[in-house]
Amino acid sequence: MYFNKSFYLFIAILTYSHTIIAQEQHISFDDVTREAGINFKYTFGDFSYENILESSGAGVTILDYNNDGFMDIYLLNGTYLEGISDKSGEVFKGTSNELYNNNGDGTFTEIAETVGVDDKHWSMAAGAIDYDGDGDQDIYLLNYGPNVFYRNNGDGTFTDIAKELGLVGSEKLNGYTKWSVGVAFWDIDQDQRTDMMVGNFLAYDPKYVSPTMPDMMPHPSEYKGQASMFYRQKQDGTFEEITKSLGFYYPDSKCMGLTVYDYDHDGDLDLFQGNDHQENFLFRNDGDLNFKEVAIASGIAVNDQGQPTGSMHGSIGDIDGDGLIDLLVTDLKYGALYRNRGNGLYEDITRKSGVADVFAGKGEWAAILFDYDNDGDLDIFSANGTAEELKLQLPLLLENDGRGNFTNIGPEVSPYFREKRSGRGAAVVDYDNDGDMDLIVSHIDMKATPSLLKNEGNENNWLGITLKGKFGPASAIGALLTVKTGNKTQVLVNQPASTYLSYNDPRLHIGLGKYDTIDQLEITWPQGEKEVFKVIEVNQFITIVQGK
């Protein structure tokens, strides 16, 4: 349903007070992968695990490609590569990505070849957005090798138009095959056209052998980096690369994740870039297409020991209910949880929040801040596994006490959290539209199967929101929502690109506990415009169109 602000002029403001009833929930995450019809097997090109390309894994992208109201799942794959994979891996030639169409009854049907998205390059990540504003979601696929841009034809099929748009990317960067790992969509100049930052990783030399560890894969620090690239959309719909003029050009950087949000609450969108064994970047938007790199000054360049670790990406959300957007950066040591102090600075609370002890030694890749129990605060999921060797680790589900302190409760809610795997990409998705957030996780272990984890037993209230900005397809990205229910206030960011290599359910999910009505919802759009809505019924999906 479309949510029209004027409609609420006819609704009297409810005067009764909300009663919050404490009720124990018995929530579980049930692995329903097989019964849901998801038969995907990940390949890293052969049967051995011996290089950094194989260790990096692939992502999961959630989108509703056919606009039927049910979220579909795009699973990305590796493949056999001549000169990189062992000869035994020739049986994996031509392995492709798979798109699982949601049938609406809890099952999925694989349709990638039928609709034309069965790309056979080594794929890392895919971003979903309606880039041309025609009402359906397109897919930008980021690869080791040429990138692919699938335009949604609106008839259930896709066409690759990356070459026409100028989005294939360079053949090589820093002397070696371009290795793209993600994309951040943005209308950077507010011209109502979608722009994008493409994250590139490192200059992988498959012939290089480490002199210090000849029997193991070389450390990321032993390779050169590759510059991430910014593409601005022109009036004719094609894209031009303008990285240097914006101050984003770092030719030896090793990006693993990009997150766009307004970190300093000054009304414009900034960019966080997680880097592998380099200091992270935070590009502050100073207006008029001027950006300044301020990660060190803001306190998020390194971890609490002053180390530039193997950062994966930045997950964002208000973890302590103070109205400020905090930042969780996963890495291969114990991660970093940064509390936003509201003055452009962050405080590292990784240890006192309980995160460091639980994360230590696990090797965190995709992490998600989400409200697993719909109680109104953000919990943490983390997919884990070591990098240089294929050592399995326990995945984690950390429950928030509402004040930013976390406890591992995974083993209590699902056998999945009691079995060691080697996870990489992961996303949250309400695939059955029942109002609680399910999980889909990609693994690179020898099982090679993903896990679709169905959230069961959740009795708290919720609201799902699709935002549509009036200034073009990207104009709702980064919108800030303030939700007031009784004496509780939540602040959330509309940003599905907030997990390693993956895109979450594009609908903004709000857990409400036992509150049966939202008193007030305020939206601050990225262009600065604010809208306020009163008295919203819960337990439904709504669409809010800016200005309507």
Protein backbone atom coordinates (compact mmCIF):
# COMPACT_ATOMS: atom_id res chain seq x y z
CA MET A 1 0.00 0.00 0.00
CA TYR A 2 1.11 3.56 -0.58
CA PHE A 3 1.27 5.68 2.52
CA ASN A 4 -0.21 9.14 1.96
CA LYS A 5 0.56 11.76 4.56
CA SER A 6 -2.64 13.71 3.93
CA PHE A 7 -4.68 10.66 4.92
CA TYR A 8 -3.68 11.16 8.52
CA LEU A 9 -5.32 14.58 8.68
CA PHE A 10 -8.52 12.63 9.11
CA ILE A 11 -7.27 10.46 11.93
CA ALA A 12 -7.65 11.66 15.49
CA ILE A 13 -4.56 11.35 17.60
CA LEU A 14 -4.97 8.43 19.94
CA THR A 15 -4.97 9.48 23.58
CA TYR A 16 -4.58 6.18 25.36
CA SER A 17 -1.19 5.28 26.79
CA HIS A 18 0.73 2.30 25.54
CA THR A 19 1.12 -0.64 27.89
CA ILE A 20 4.27 -2.63 27.47
CA ILE A 21 3.92 -6.25 28.52
CA ALA A 22 7.07 -8.18 29.23
CA GLN A 23 6.80 -11.56 27.56
CA GLU A 24 9.43 -14.17 27.07
CA GLN A 25 9.83 -15.25 23.48
CA HIS A 26 11.15 -18.58 22.29
CA ILE A 27 12.78 -17.56 19.04
CA SER A 28 14.68 -19.99 16.86
CA PHE A 29 16.47 -19.85 13.54
CA ASP A 30 15.55 -22.98 11.61
CA ASP A 31 17.69 -24.04 8.65
CA VAL A 32 15.14 -24.41 5.83
CA THR A 33 17.56 -24.24 2.90
CA ARG A 34 16.72 -27.61 1.41
CA GLU A 35 12.96 -27.51 1.92
CA ALA A 36 12.91 -23.99 0.45
CA GLY A 37 14.41 -25.36 -2.76
CA ILE A 38 17.79 -23.62 -2.57
CA ASN A 39 20.30 -26.07 -4.05
CA PHE A 40 23.21 -23.69 -4.66
CA LYS A 41 26.80 -24.93 -4.29
CA TYR A 42 29.63 -22.42 -4.06
CA THR A 43 32.87 -23.12 -5.91
CA PHE A 44 36.21 -21.40 -5.57
CA GLY A 45 37.47 -22.91 -8.81
CA ASP A 46 39.01 -26.17 -7.64
CA PHE A 47 39.23 -28.52 -4.66
CA SER A 48 42.09 -26.82 -2.79
CA TYR A 49 42.20 -23.64 -0.75
CA GLU A 50 45.45 -21.88 -1.46
CA ASN A 51 45.09 -18.27 -2.66
CA ILE A 52 43.52 -15.01 -1.58
CA LEU A 53 40.96 -15.07 -4.39
CA GLU A 54 39.61 -18.36 -3.11
CA SER A 55 39.59 -17.18 0.49
CA SER A 56 37.54 -14.02 -0.13
CA GLY A 57 34.22 -15.69 -0.82
CA ALA A 58 31.15 -14.15 -2.43
CA GLY A 59 28.05 -12.25 -1.49
CA VAL A 60 24.27 -12.49 -1.35
CA THR A 61 21.94 -9.90 -2.85
CA ILE A 62 18.30 -9.47 -1.88
CA LEU A 63 15.91 -7.88 -4.36
CA ASP A 64 12.36 -8.12 -5.66
CA TYR A 65 13.23 -8.45 -9.34
CA ASN A 66 9.63 -8.95 -10.54
CA ASN A 67 7.80 -6.58 -8.16
CA ASP A 68 5.54 -9.29 -6.72
CA GLY A 69 6.13 -8.21 -3.11
CA PHE A 70 8.30 -11.22 -2.23
CA MET A 71 12.08 -10.93 -1.91
CA ASP A 72 14.25 -12.96 -4.27
CA ILE A 73 17.81 -14.16 -3.57
CA TYR A 74 20.81 -13.77 -5.90
CA LEU A 75 23.71 -16.01 -4.90
CA LEU A 76 27.13 -15.27 -6.36
CA ASN A 77 29.70 -17.86 -7.37
CA GLY A 78 33.34 -18.42 -8.22
CA THR A 79 34.50 -20.48 -11.17
CA TYR A 80 37.51 -22.26 -12.67
CA LEU A 81 40.13 -19.75 -13.85
CA GLU A 82 42.96 -20.80 -16.17
CA GLY A 83 46.33 -20.05 -14.58
CA ILE A 84 44.83 -19.58 -11.10
CA SER A 85 42.80 -22.71 -10.31
CA ASP A 86 44.30 -26.19 -10.06
CA LYS A 87 43.75 -28.37 -13.14
CA SER A 88 41.46 -30.60 -11.09
CA GLY A 89 39.06 -27.67 -11.02
CA GLU A 90 38.32 -27.86 -14.75
CA VAL A 91 35.09 -29.62 -13.78
CA PHE A 92 33.96 -26.23 -12.47
CA LYS A 93 34.32 -24.43 -15.81
CA GLY A 94 31.26 -22.37 -16.50
CA THR A 95 29.82 -22.36 -13.00
CA SER A 96 27.49 -19.40 -12.70
CA ASN A 97 25.56 -17.22 -10.30
CA GLU A 98 22.06 -18.34 -9.37
CA LEU A 99 18.87 -16.30 -8.93
CA TYR A 100 16.20 -17.82 -6.73
CA ASN A 101 12.69 -16.56 -7.46
CA ASN A 102 10.52 -16.41 -4.36
CA ASN A 103 7.33 -18.38 -5.08
CA GLY A 104 5.49 -16.73 -2.19
CA ASP A 105 4.81 -20.00 -0.40
CA GLY A 106 8.13 -20.41 1.39
CA THR A 107 9.87 -22.01 -1.59
CA PHE A 108 12.15 -20.75 -4.35
CA THR A 109 12.80 -21.64 -7.99
CA GLU A 110 16.22 -21.11 -9.60
CA ILE A 111 15.86 -18.99 -12.77
CA ALA A 112 19.22 -17.29 -13.47
CA GLU A 113 19.70 -18.73 -16.97
CA THR A 114 16.06 -18.19 -17.88
CA VAL A 115 16.11 -14.49 -17.04
CA GLY A 116 19.69 -13.87 -18.20
CA VAL A 117 21.70 -13.26 -15.01
CA ASP A 118 23.78 -16.47 -15.00
CA ASP A 119 27.10 -14.65 -15.27
CA LYS A 120 30.08 -17.00 -15.46
CA HIS A 121 32.87 -14.67 -14.35
CA TRP A 122 34.28 -14.88 -10.82
CA SER A 123 31.63 -12.82 -9.02
CA MET A 124 32.06 -11.06 -5.71
CA ALA A 125 29.12 -8.73 -5.04
CA ALA A 126 26.01 -7.30 -6.66
CA GLY A 127 24.11 -4.11 -5.97
CA ALA A 128 20.39 -3.86 -6.76
CA ILE A 129 18.81 -0.51 -7.62
CA ASP A 130 16.34 0.95 -10.10
CA TYR A 131 19.05 3.07 -11.69
CA ASP A 132 16.89 4.41 -14.54
CA GLY A 133 13.69 5.04 -12.57
CA ASP A 134 11.50 2.77 -14.69
CA GLY A 135 10.00 0.96 -11.70
CA ASP A 136 12.06 -2.23 -11.52
CA GLN A 137 15.36 -3.17 -9.94
CA ASP A 138 18.51 -3.51 -12.02
CA ILE A 139 21.65 -5.39 -10.94
CA TYR A 140 25.25 -4.18 -10.99
CA LEU A 141 27.50 -7.22 -10.72
CA LEU A 142 31.04 -6.71 -9.40
CA ASN A 143 33.59 -9.29 -10.56
CA TYR A 144 37.19 -10.34 -10.59
CA GLY A 145 37.42 -9.34 -14.23
CA PRO A 146 34.86 -7.32 -16.21
CA ASN A 147 31.86 -5.99 -14.32
CA VAL A 148 28.34 -6.56 -15.62
CA PHE A 149 25.32 -4.27 -15.46
CA TYR A 150 22.01 -6.07 -15.88
CA ARG A 151 19.17 -3.80 -16.93
CA ASN A 152 15.80 -5.15 -15.86
CA ASN A 153 13.68 -5.26 -19.01
CA GLY A 154 10.44 -5.29 -17.03
CA ASP A 155 9.29 -8.54 -18.63
CA GLY A 156 11.12 -10.95 -16.34
CA THR A 157 14.43 -10.78 -18.23
CA PHE A 158 17.70 -8.81 -17.98
CA THR A 159 20.17 -7.44 -20.52
CA ASP A 160 23.84 -6.67 -19.86
CA ILE A 161 24.45 -3.02 -20.79
CA ALA A 162 27.66 -2.42 -18.82
CA LYS A 163 29.68 -1.61 -21.95
CA GLU A 164 27.10 0.91 -23.20
CA LEU A 165 26.98 2.59 -19.79
CA GLY A 166 30.75 2.68 -19.28
CA LEU A 167 30.63 0.47 -16.18
CA VAL A 168 32.70 -2.57 -17.20
CA GLY A 169 35.71 -1.11 -15.39
CA SER A 170 39.38 -1.21 -16.32
CA GLU A 171 40.81 -4.46 -17.60
CA LYS A 172 43.73 -4.03 -15.22
CA LEU A 173 44.57 -1.86 -12.24
CA ASN A 174 48.10 -1.54 -10.86
CA GLY A 175 49.27 -4.07 -13.44
CA TYR A 176 46.85 -6.91 -12.67
CA THR A 177 43.26 -7.97 -13.36
CA LYS A 178 40.75 -5.56 -11.86
CA TRP A 179 39.16 -7.05 -8.77
CA SER A 180 35.89 -5.33 -7.81
CA VAL A 181 34.26 -6.20 -4.50
CA GLY A 182 31.29 -3.88 -4.07
CA VAL A 183 29.34 -0.80 -5.02
CA ALA A 184 27.81 2.09 -3.11
CA PHE A 185 24.95 3.89 -4.87
CA TRP A 186 24.56 7.63 -4.37
CA ASP A 187 23.22 10.79 -5.96
CA ILE A 188 26.37 12.68 -5.10
CA ASP A 189 25.53 15.93 -6.92
CA GLN A 190 21.73 15.84 -6.40
CA ASP A 191 21.00 15.96 -10.12
CA GLN A 192 18.36 13.21 -9.77
CA ARG A 193 20.61 10.60 -11.39
CA THR A 194 22.20 7.58 -9.74
CA ASP A 195 25.97 7.72 -9.22
CA MET A 196 28.13 4.99 -7.75
CA MET A 197 31.41 4.22 -6.01
CA VAL A 198 32.94 0.88 -7.04
CA GLY A 199 35.22 -0.71 -4.46
CA ASN A 200 38.30 -2.49 -5.83
CA PHE A 201 40.50 -4.77 -3.75
CA LEU A 202 44.09 -5.68 -4.60
CA ALA A 203 46.43 -6.43 -7.49
CA TYR A 204 46.46 -10.21 -7.32
CA ASP A 205 49.53 -11.86 -8.85
CA PRO A 206 48.76 -15.60 -9.03
CA LYS A 207 52.45 -16.41 -9.54
CA TYR A 208 53.65 -14.69 -6.39
CA VAL A 209 54.93 -16.92 -3.57
CA SER A 210 55.60 -15.42 -0.16
CA PRO A 211 59.30 -15.62 0.82
CA THR A 212 58.33 -15.80 4.49
CA MET A 213 55.41 -18.27 4.17
CA PRO A 214 56.04 -20.30 0.99
CA ASP A 215 53.64 -23.05 2.07
CA MET A 216 50.73 -20.67 2.74
CA MET A 217 48.90 -18.09 0.71
CA PRO A 218 50.63 -14.69 0.79
CA HIS A 219 49.35 -12.10 3.22
CA PRO A 220 47.26 -9.25 1.71
CA SER A 221 49.97 -6.77 2.73
CA GLU A 222 52.34 -8.45 0.25
CA TYR A 223 50.27 -7.32 -2.74
CA LYS A 224 49.75 -3.88 -4.24
CA GLY A 225 46.32 -2.34 -3.99
CA GLN A 226 43.82 -1.17 -6.60
CA ALA A 227 42.07 2.18 -6.63
CA SER A 228 38.33 2.28 -6.01
CA MET A 229 36.50 4.27 -8.68
CA PHE A 230 33.64 6.77 -8.64
CA TYR A 231 31.26 6.92 -11.59
CA ARG A 232 28.91 9.86 -12.11
CA GLN A 233 25.91 9.44 -14.37
CA LYS A 234 25.65 11.92 -17.23
CA GLN A 235 22.52 13.35 -18.82
CA ASP A 236 22.56 10.73 -21.56
CA GLY A 237 22.50 7.91 -18.98
CA THR A 238 26.12 6.85 -19.43
CA PHE A 239 28.76 7.18 -16.73
CA GLU A 240 32.04 9.05 -16.41
CA GLU A 241 34.80 8.23 -13.93
CA ILE A 242 35.61 11.26 -11.72
CA THR A 243 37.45 9.67 -8.78
CA LYS A 244 40.40 12.06 -8.58
CA SER A 245 38.34 15.23 -8.66
CA LEU A 246 36.38 14.10 -5.60
CA GLY A 247 39.46 13.19 -3.56
CA PHE A 248 38.65 9.45 -3.56
CA TYR A 249 41.64 8.31 -5.59
CA TYR A 250 44.04 6.10 -3.60
CA PRO A 251 45.85 3.89 -6.16
CA ASP A 252 47.22 1.44 -3.60
CA SER A 253 44.17 1.08 -1.37
CA LYS A 254 42.65 -2.34 -0.67
CA CYS A 255 38.95 -1.79 -0.28
CA MET A 256 36.74 -4.57 1.05
CA GLY A 257 33.56 -2.64 1.80
CA LEU A 258 31.82 0.70 1.21
CA THR A 259 29.11 2.29 3.34
CA VAL A 260 27.35 5.58 2.58
CA TYR A 261 25.66 7.46 5.45
CA ASP A 262 25.65 10.83 7.21
CA TYR A 263 28.08 10.04 10.01
CA ASP A 264 28.28 13.61 11.39
CA HIS A 265 24.58 14.50 11.06
CA ASP A 266 25.30 17.62 9.03
CA GLY A 267 22.74 16.87 6.33
CA ASP A 268 24.90 15.33 3.62
CA LEU A 269 26.15 11.82 2.90
CA ASP A 270 29.66 10.67 3.74
CA LEU A 271 31.56 7.51 2.74
CA PHE A 272 33.26 4.88 4.90
CA GLN A 273 35.71 2.52 3.20
CA GLY A 274 36.93 -0.55 5.05
CA ASN A 275 40.47 -1.51 3.94
CA ASP A 276 42.36 -4.77 4.26
CA HIS A 277 45.44 -4.38 6.47
CA GLN A 278 45.51 -0.66 5.79
CA GLU A 279 43.99 2.19 7.72
CA ASN A 280 40.30 2.63 6.94
CA PHE A 281 39.03 5.72 5.12
CA LEU A 282 36.23 8.08 6.14
CA PHE A 283 35.48 10.64 3.45
CA ARG A 284 33.66 13.60 5.01
CA ASN A 285 31.37 15.45 2.65
CA ASP A 286 32.12 19.18 2.92
CA GLY A 287 29.66 20.14 0.17
CA ASP A 288 30.06 21.20 -3.48
CA LEU A 289 31.68 17.82 -4.33
CA ASN A 290 34.50 18.40 -1.84
CA PHE A 291 35.52 15.50 0.40
CA LYS A 292 38.16 15.20 3.09
CA GLU A 293 39.57 11.94 4.40
CA VAL A 294 39.16 12.09 8.22
CA ALA A 295 39.31 8.51 9.51
CA ILE A 296 42.27 9.12 11.82
CA ALA A 297 40.83 12.34 13.18
CA SER A 298 37.44 10.67 13.73
CA GLY A 299 38.93 7.65 15.50
CA ILE A 300 37.96 4.85 13.10
CA ALA A 301 41.12 4.32 11.03
CA VAL A 302 42.45 1.48 13.23
CA ASN A 303 41.34 -0.77 16.07
CA ASP A 304 41.76 -0.14 19.80
CA GLN A 305 45.36 -1.40 19.65
CA GLY A 306 46.27 1.06 16.91
CA GLN A 307 46.42 -1.73 14.32
CA PRO A 308 45.14 -1.55 10.74
CA THR A 309 43.60 -5.03 10.63
CA GLY A 310 41.82 -6.90 7.84
CA SER A 311 38.70 -4.74 7.85
CA MET A 312 35.76 -6.09 5.86
CA HIS A 313 33.05 -3.46 5.82
CA GLY A 314 31.10 -1.03 7.97
CA SER A 315 27.71 -1.99 9.43
CA ILE A 316 25.71 1.00 10.69
CA GLY A 317 22.98 1.53 13.25
CA ASP A 318 22.16 3.08 16.61
CA ILE A 319 23.25 0.34 19.00
CA ASP A 320 22.66 2.19 22.30
CA GLY A 321 19.49 4.21 21.63
CA ASP A 322 21.07 7.65 21.84
CA GLY A 323 19.91 8.68 18.35
CA LEU A 324 23.40 8.62 16.80
CA ILE A 325 24.52 6.15 14.14
CA ASP A 326 27.30 3.87 15.33
CA LEU A 327 29.68 1.77 13.25
CA LEU A 328 30.66 -1.90 13.49
CA VAL A 329 33.73 -2.85 11.43
CA THR A 330 34.42 -6.57 11.19
CA ASP A 331 37.96 -7.82 10.71
CA LEU A 332 40.11 -10.90 11.12
CA LYS A 333 41.12 -10.22 14.75
CA TYR A 334 38.22 -9.15 16.95
CA GLY A 335 36.51 -6.35 15.07
CA ALA A 336 35.87 -2.78 16.09
CA LEU A 337 32.64 -1.32 17.45
CA TYR A 338 32.71 2.47 17.34
CA ARG A 339 30.20 4.51 19.32
CA ASN A 340 29.24 7.79 17.68
CA ARG A 341 29.78 10.62 20.17
CA GLY A 342 27.85 13.16 18.10
CA ASN A 343 30.67 15.60 17.47
CA GLY A 344 32.23 13.94 14.44
CA LEU A 345 34.22 11.62 16.71
CA TYR A 346 33.87 7.95 17.59
CA GLU A 347 34.71 6.07 20.77
CA ASP A 348 35.97 2.49 20.48
CA ILE A 349 33.77 0.36 22.75
CA THR A 350 34.70 -3.04 21.30
CA ARG A 351 35.88 -4.44 24.63
CA LYS A 352 33.46 -2.89 27.08
CA SER A 353 30.49 -3.80 24.87
CA GLY A 354 31.41 -7.49 25.07
CA VAL A 355 32.08 -7.77 21.34
CA ALA A 356 35.88 -8.20 21.44
CA ASP A 357 35.93 -11.30 23.64
CA VAL A 358 33.28 -13.08 21.57
CA PHE A 359 34.77 -12.09 18.21
CA ALA A 360 38.40 -12.90 19.13
CA GLY A 361 39.94 -15.58 16.93
CA LYS A 362 36.81 -16.16 14.85
CA GLY A 363 37.73 -14.18 11.73
CA GLU A 364 34.63 -12.06 11.07
CA TRP A 365 33.46 -11.37 7.51
CA ALA A 366 29.84 -10.36 6.95
CA ALA A 367 28.19 -8.81 9.98
CA ILE A 368 24.71 -7.37 10.24
CA LEU A 369 23.15 -5.02 12.76
CA PHE A 370 19.50 -6.09 12.87
CA ASP A 371 16.67 -6.54 15.36
CA TYR A 372 16.36 -10.32 15.40
CA ASP A 373 13.68 -10.38 18.14
CA ASN A 374 11.78 -7.17 17.20
CA ASP A 375 12.31 -5.71 20.66
CA GLY A 376 13.44 -2.30 19.39
CA ASP A 377 17.23 -2.57 19.56
CA LEU A 378 19.89 -3.81 17.14
CA ASP A 379 21.55 -7.17 17.62
CA ILE A 380 24.54 -8.58 15.71
CA PHE A 381 24.94 -11.52 13.36
CA SER A 382 28.45 -12.44 12.21
CA ALA A 383 29.60 -14.99 9.60
CA ASN A 384 33.04 -16.27 10.54
CA GLY A 385 36.02 -18.26 9.27
CA THR A 386 39.78 -17.81 9.15
CA ALA A 387 41.42 -16.46 6.01
CA GLU A 388 44.89 -17.91 5.31
CA GLU A 389 43.75 -21.47 6.10
CA LEU A 390 40.37 -23.11 5.70
CA LYS A 391 39.63 -23.36 9.41
CA LEU A 392 35.97 -23.45 10.34
CA GLN A 393 34.55 -21.21 13.05
CA LEU A 394 31.27 -20.81 14.88
CA PRO A 395 28.91 -18.14 13.52
CA LEU A 396 27.60 -15.69 16.10
CA LEU A 397 24.32 -14.12 17.15
CA LEU A 398 24.83 -11.42 19.78
CA GLU A 399 21.85 -10.01 21.67
CA ASN A 400 21.77 -6.34 22.61
CA ASP A 401 20.61 -5.39 26.11
CA GLY A 402 19.35 -2.08 24.68
CA ARG A 403 22.35 -0.11 25.92
CA GLY A 404 24.97 -1.43 23.52
CA ASN A 405 26.15 -4.42 25.55
CA PHE A 406 26.15 -7.76 23.75
CA THR A 407 25.86 -11.42 24.77
CA ASN A 408 26.28 -14.44 22.51
CA ILE A 409 22.95 -16.29 22.42
CA GLY A 410 23.36 -18.12 19.11
CA PRO A 411 23.77 -21.65 20.53
CA GLU A 412 20.49 -21.21 22.41
CA VAL A 413 18.40 -20.36 19.35
CA SER A 414 19.64 -22.67 16.60
CA PRO A 415 21.85 -25.68 15.84
CA TYR A 416 23.31 -23.53 13.06
CA PHE A 417 25.21 -21.53 15.70
CA ARG A 418 26.61 -24.73 17.21
CA GLU A 419 28.22 -25.97 13.99
CA LYS A 420 31.51 -24.59 12.69
CA ARG A 421 31.41 -23.30 9.11
CA SER A 422 33.45 -20.89 7.00
CA GLY A 423 31.07 -18.03 6.28
CA ARG A 424 31.62 -15.05 4.02
CA GLY A 425 28.71 -13.04 2.60
CA ALA A 426 25.39 -12.75 4.44
CA ALA A 427 22.17 -10.75 4.30
CA VAL A 428 18.94 -10.33 6.24
CA VAL A 429 15.66 -10.87 4.42
CA ASP A 430 12.05 -11.30 5.45
CA TYR A 431 11.55 -13.88 2.73
CA ASP A 432 8.15 -15.05 4.01
CA ASN A 433 6.79 -11.56 4.78
CA ASP A 434 5.87 -12.49 8.34
CA GLY A 435 7.54 -9.48 9.93
CA ASP A 436 10.70 -10.99 11.38
CA MET A 437 14.14 -10.97 9.82
CA ASP A 438 15.49 -14.22 8.41
CA LEU A 439 19.13 -14.80 7.42
CA ILE A 440 20.84 -16.11 4.30
CA VAL A 441 24.56 -16.95 4.61
CA SER A 442 27.09 -17.96 1.94
CA HIS A 443 29.85 -20.42 2.90
CA ILE A 444 33.12 -21.39 1.23
CA ASP A 445 33.82 -24.57 3.19
CA MET A 446 33.76 -27.99 1.58
CA LYS A 447 30.02 -28.32 2.19
CA ALA A 448 29.74 -25.24 -0.04
CA THR A 449 26.04 -24.82 0.73
CA PRO A 450 24.36 -21.58 1.82
CA SER A 451 22.06 -21.50 4.83
CA LEU A 452 18.59 -19.96 4.81
CA LEU A 453 17.67 -19.47 8.46
CA LYS A 454 13.99 -18.91 9.16
CA ASN A 455 13.17 -16.73 12.16
CA GLU A 456 10.46 -18.52 14.17
CA GLY A 457 8.57 -17.77 17.37
CA ASN A 458 8.80 -13.98 17.18
CA GLU A 459 5.68 -12.44 18.74
CA ASN A 460 6.72 -8.79 18.89
CA ASN A 461 5.29 -6.10 16.63
CA TRP A 462 7.04 -4.60 13.63
CA LEU A 463 6.78 -2.33 10.61
CA GLY A 464 8.37 -2.69 7.16
CA ILE A 465 8.93 0.45 5.06
CA THR A 466 9.91 0.99 1.44
CA LEU A 467 11.14 4.54 0.83
CA LYS A 468 10.94 6.23 -2.56
CA GLY A 469 12.55 9.63 -2.97
CA LYS A 470 11.14 12.18 -5.39
CA PHE A 471 14.54 13.20 -6.76
CA GLY A 472 15.43 10.02 -8.59
CA PRO A 473 16.18 6.35 -7.78
CA ALA A 474 19.06 7.03 -5.35
CA SER A 475 17.42 9.91 -3.49
CA ALA A 476 16.12 7.77 -0.61
CA ILE A 477 19.50 6.15 0.15
CA GLY A 478 20.80 7.39 3.48
CA ALA A 479 17.45 8.78 4.66
CA LEU A 480 17.23 9.00 8.45
CA LEU A 481 14.09 7.73 10.22
CA THR A 482 13.12 8.68 13.76
CA VAL A 483 10.42 6.42 15.20
CA LYS A 484 8.57 7.31 18.41
CA THR A 485 6.48 4.73 20.25
CA GLY A 486 5.37 5.57 23.78
CA ASN A 487 8.51 6.54 25.67
CA LYS A 488 10.89 4.87 23.19
CA THR A 489 12.65 6.51 20.25
CA GLN A 490 14.54 4.66 17.52
CA VAL A 491 16.73 6.16 14.80
CA LEU A 492 17.44 4.12 11.67
CA VAL A 493 19.22 4.63 8.34
CA ASN A 494 17.84 3.53 4.99
CA GLN A 495 20.94 1.72 3.71
CA PRO A 496 20.76 -1.94 2.59
CA ALA A 497 24.46 -1.96 1.57
CA SER A 498 25.81 -2.52 5.06
CA THR A 499 27.33 -6.01 5.05
CA TYR A 500 30.31 -7.75 3.44
CA LEU A 501 29.82 -8.29 -0.33
CA SER A 502 26.06 -8.37 0.21
CA TYR A 503 22.82 -6.36 0.04
CA ASN A 504 20.13 -6.73 2.68
CA ASP A 505 16.36 -6.70 2.20
CA PRO A 506 15.75 -3.20 0.75
CA ARG A 507 12.75 -2.66 3.01
CA LEU A 508 13.59 -0.88 6.24
CA HIS A 509 12.61 -3.08 9.18
CA ILE A 510 11.55 -1.66 12.56
CA GLY A 511 11.07 -3.85 15.62
CA LEU A 512 8.50 -2.42 18.04
CA GLY A 513 8.25 -4.80 20.97
CA LYS A 514 4.69 -4.77 22.37
CA TYR A 515 3.87 -1.28 21.15
CA ASP A 516 0.73 -1.57 19.04
CA THR A 517 0.95 1.83 17.33
CA ILE A 518 3.71 4.11 16.11
CA ASP A 519 2.99 7.58 17.50
CA GLN A 520 5.24 9.47 15.12
CA LEU A 521 7.55 8.73 12.23
CA GLU A 522 9.89 11.49 11.04
CA ILE A 523 11.89 11.08 7.84
CA THR A 524 14.87 13.29 7.09
CA TRP A 525 15.53 12.82 3.39
CA PRO A 526 19.14 13.13 2.11
CA GLN A 527 18.30 16.48 0.49
CA GLY A 528 17.37 17.88 3.92
CA GLU A 529 13.58 17.83 3.58
CA LYS A 530 11.69 16.49 6.60
CA GLU A 531 8.29 14.81 6.73
CA VAL A 532 6.30 13.73 9.76
CA PHE A 533 3.61 11.03 9.88
CA LYS A 534 1.31 10.35 12.81
CA VAL A 535 -0.38 7.24 14.19
CA ILE A 536 0.74 4.31 12.06
CA GLU A 537 -0.63 0.82 12.46
CA VAL A 538 1.93 -1.90 13.03
CA ASN A 539 2.54 -5.35 11.55
CA GLN A 540 2.37 -4.30 7.91
CA PHE A 541 4.51 -3.28 4.96
CA ILE A 542 4.04 0.26 3.69
CA THR A 543 5.55 2.41 0.97
CA ILE A 544 6.30 6.07 1.60
CA VAL A 545 6.78 8.29 -1.43
CA GLN A 546 8.52 11.56 -0.63
CA GLY A 547 6.12 14.50 -0.77
CA LYS A 548 2.96 12.41 -1.18
